[in-house]
């Protein structure tokens, strides 16, 4: 049961980050206390490689009743990876 709540909380966090990023106008950046620019670059590269696995062809999501693009899944995977590494996306 605890594992389920962790997953739900993680999905909520990813959704919040993506919603903030979609607001537009303000530039956003990844921040992590005590992290260097080199660490950011390394983590982004690793997360981009992980996210590339989710860049598959679009698929039909019966829960939403619509076709979901692989690029959106890749973006969510990238954000989840970065947050998993302790990064926060801020305006």
C-alpha atoms as a PDB file:
ATOM      1  CA  UNK A   1       0.000   0.000   0.000  1.00  0.00           C
ATOM      2  CA  UNK A   2       2.840   2.400   0.859  1.00  0.00           C
ATOM      3  CA  UNK A   3       4.469   1.709  -2.502  1.00  0.00           C
ATOM      4  CA  UNK A   4       1.223   2.688  -4.233  1.00  0.00           C
ATOM      5  CA  UNK A   5       1.096   6.029  -2.394  1.00  0.00           C
ATOM      6  CA  UNK A   6       4.698   6.730  -3.334  1.00  0.00           C
ATOM      7  CA  UNK A   7       3.861   6.135  -6.996  1.00  0.00           C
ATOM      8  CA  UNK A   8       0.780   8.355  -6.787  1.00  0.00           C
ATOM      9  CA  UNK A   9       2.778  11.116  -5.106  1.00  0.00           C
ATOM     10  CA  UNK A  10       5.503  10.810  -7.739  1.00  0.00           C
ATOM     11  CA  UNK A  11       2.979  11.050 -10.584  1.00  0.00           C
ATOM     12  CA  UNK A  12       1.408  14.088  -8.958  1.00  0.00           C
ATOM     13  CA  UNK A  13       4.824  15.755  -8.711  1.00  0.00           C
ATOM     14  CA  UNK A  14       5.586  15.034 -12.372  1.00  0.00           C
ATOM     15  CA  UNK A  15       2.195  16.437 -13.353  1.00  0.00           C
ATOM     16  CA  UNK A  16       2.781  19.578 -11.308  1.00  0.00           C
ATOM     17  CA  UNK A  17       6.180  20.124 -12.886  1.00  0.00           C
ATOM     18  CA  UNK A  18       4.779  19.651 -16.383  1.00  0.00           C
ATOM     19  CA  UNK A  19       1.848  21.949 -15.645  1.00  0.00           C
ATOM     20  CA  UNK A  20       4.209  24.661 -14.442  1.00  0.00           C
ATOM     21  CA  UNK A  21       6.433  24.193 -17.458  1.00  0.00           C
ATOM     22  CA  UNK A  22       3.420  24.502 -19.765  1.00  0.00           C
ATOM     23  CA  UNK A  23       2.494  27.899 -18.335  1.00  0.00           C
ATOM     24  CA  UNK A  24       4.929  29.474 -20.753  1.00  0.00           C
ATOM     25  CA  UNK A  25       6.354  32.937 -20.604  1.00  0.00           C
ATOM     26  CA  UNK A  26       8.895  32.341 -17.875  1.00  0.00           C
ATOM     27  CA  UNK A  27      12.015  30.347 -18.592  1.00  0.00           C
ATOM     28  CA  UNK A  28      12.480  27.361 -16.318  1.00  0.00           C
ATOM     29  CA  UNK A  29      15.628  25.660 -15.157  1.00  0.00           C
ATOM     30  CA  UNK A  30      16.657  22.639 -13.141  1.00  0.00           C
ATOM     31  CA  UNK A  31      18.117  23.387  -9.710  1.00  0.00           C
ATOM     32  CA  UNK A  32      19.635  21.223  -6.998  1.00  0.00           C
ATOM     33  CA  UNK A  33      21.262  22.569  -3.844  1.00  0.00           C
ATOM     34  CA  UNK A  34      25.028  22.167  -3.989  1.00  0.00           C
ATOM     35  CA  UNK A  35      25.061  20.794  -7.539  1.00  0.00           C
ATOM     36  CA  UNK A  36      27.439  22.067 -10.193  1.00  0.00           C
ATOM     37  CA  UNK A  37      26.715  22.886 -13.825  1.00  0.00           C
ATOM     38  CA  UNK A  38      28.689  19.759 -14.769  1.00  0.00           C
ATOM     39  CA  UNK A  39      26.424  17.596 -12.573  1.00  0.00           C
ATOM     40  CA  UNK A  40      23.381  19.135 -14.249  1.00  0.00           C
ATOM     41  CA  UNK A  41      24.829  18.394 -17.675  1.00  0.00           C
ATOM     42  CA  UNK A  42      25.624  14.780 -16.730  1.00  0.00           C
ATOM     43  CA  UNK A  43      22.199  14.150 -15.196  1.00  0.00           C
ATOM     44  CA  UNK A  44      20.403  15.738 -18.154  1.00  0.00           C
ATOM     45  CA  UNK A  45      22.368  13.542 -20.557  1.00  0.00           C
ATOM     46  CA  UNK A  46      21.572  10.404 -18.554  1.00  0.00           C
ATOM     47  CA  UNK A  47      17.886  11.340 -18.283  1.00  0.00           C
ATOM     48  CA  UNK A  48      17.701  12.167 -21.998  1.00  0.00           C
ATOM     49  CA  UNK A  49      19.039   8.698 -22.768  1.00  0.00           C
ATOM     50  CA  UNK A  50      16.469   7.152 -20.426  1.00  0.00           C
ATOM     51  CA  UNK A  51      13.685   9.264 -21.929  1.00  0.00           C
ATOM     52  CA  UNK A  52      14.696   8.257 -25.463  1.00  0.00           C
ATOM     53  CA  UNK A  53      13.382   4.783 -24.664  1.00  0.00           C
ATOM     54  CA  UNK A  54       9.919   6.334 -24.302  1.00  0.00           C
ATOM     55  CA  UNK A  55      10.050   8.087 -27.658  1.00  0.00           C
ATOM     56  CA  UNK A  56       8.261   5.206 -29.333  1.00  0.00           C
ATOM     57  CA  UNK A  57       5.411   5.477 -31.787  1.00  0.00           C
ATOM     58  CA  UNK A  58       2.128   7.008 -30.600  1.00  0.00           C
ATOM     59  CA  UNK A  59      -0.334   4.663 -28.935  1.00  0.00           C
ATOM     60  CA  UNK A  60      -4.020   4.657 -28.013  1.00  0.00           C
ATOM     61  CA  UNK A  61      -4.798   5.228 -24.318  1.00  0.00           C
ATOM     62  CA  UNK A  62      -8.249   3.776 -23.615  1.00  0.00           C
ATOM     63  CA  UNK A  63      -8.493   5.644 -20.281  1.00  0.00           C
ATOM     64  CA  UNK A  64      -8.272   8.993 -22.058  1.00  0.00           C
ATOM     65  CA  UNK A  65      -9.881   7.829 -25.276  1.00  0.00           C
ATOM     66  CA  UNK A  66      -7.141   9.435 -27.314  1.00  0.00           C
ATOM     67  CA  UNK A  67      -3.860   8.798 -29.050  1.00  0.00           C
ATOM     68  CA  UNK A  68      -0.809   9.653 -26.950  1.00  0.00           C
ATOM     69  CA  UNK A  69       2.395  10.777 -28.628  1.00  0.00           C
ATOM     70  CA  UNK A  70       5.690   9.195 -27.706  1.00  0.00           C
ATOM     71  CA  UNK A  71       7.352  12.606 -27.316  1.00  0.00           C
ATOM     72  CA  UNK A  72       5.057  13.532 -24.435  1.00  0.00           C
ATOM     73  CA  UNK A  73       5.935  10.286 -22.693  1.00  0.00           C
ATOM     74  CA  UNK A  74       9.626  11.056 -23.217  1.00  0.00           C
ATOM     75  CA  UNK A  75       9.175  14.498 -21.655  1.00  0.00           C
ATOM     76  CA  UNK A  76       7.462  13.001 -18.625  1.00  0.00           C
ATOM     77  CA  UNK A  77      10.128  10.320 -18.322  1.00  0.00           C
ATOM     78  CA  UNK A  78      12.864  12.978 -18.479  1.00  0.00           C
ATOM     79  CA  UNK A  79      11.182  15.054 -15.755  1.00  0.00           C
ATOM     80  CA  UNK A  80      10.649  11.996 -13.543  1.00  0.00           C
ATOM     81  CA  UNK A  81      14.290  10.987 -13.993  1.00  0.00           C
ATOM     82  CA  UNK A  82      15.572  14.434 -13.055  1.00  0.00           C
ATOM     83  CA  UNK A  83      13.324  14.644  -9.986  1.00  0.00           C
ATOM     84  CA  UNK A  84      14.450  11.168  -9.003  1.00  0.00           C
ATOM     85  CA  UNK A  85      18.010  12.489  -9.023  1.00  0.00           C
ATOM     86  CA  UNK A  86      17.028  15.335  -6.680  1.00  0.00           C
ATOM     87  CA  UNK A  87      16.525  18.151  -9.190  1.00  0.00           C
ATOM     88  CA  UNK A  88      13.654  20.654  -9.088  1.00  0.00           C
ATOM     89  CA  UNK A  89      12.307  22.609 -12.058  1.00  0.00           C
ATOM     90  CA  UNK A  90      11.829  26.284 -11.165  1.00  0.00           C
ATOM     91  CA  UNK A  91      10.875  29.419 -13.132  1.00  0.00           C
END
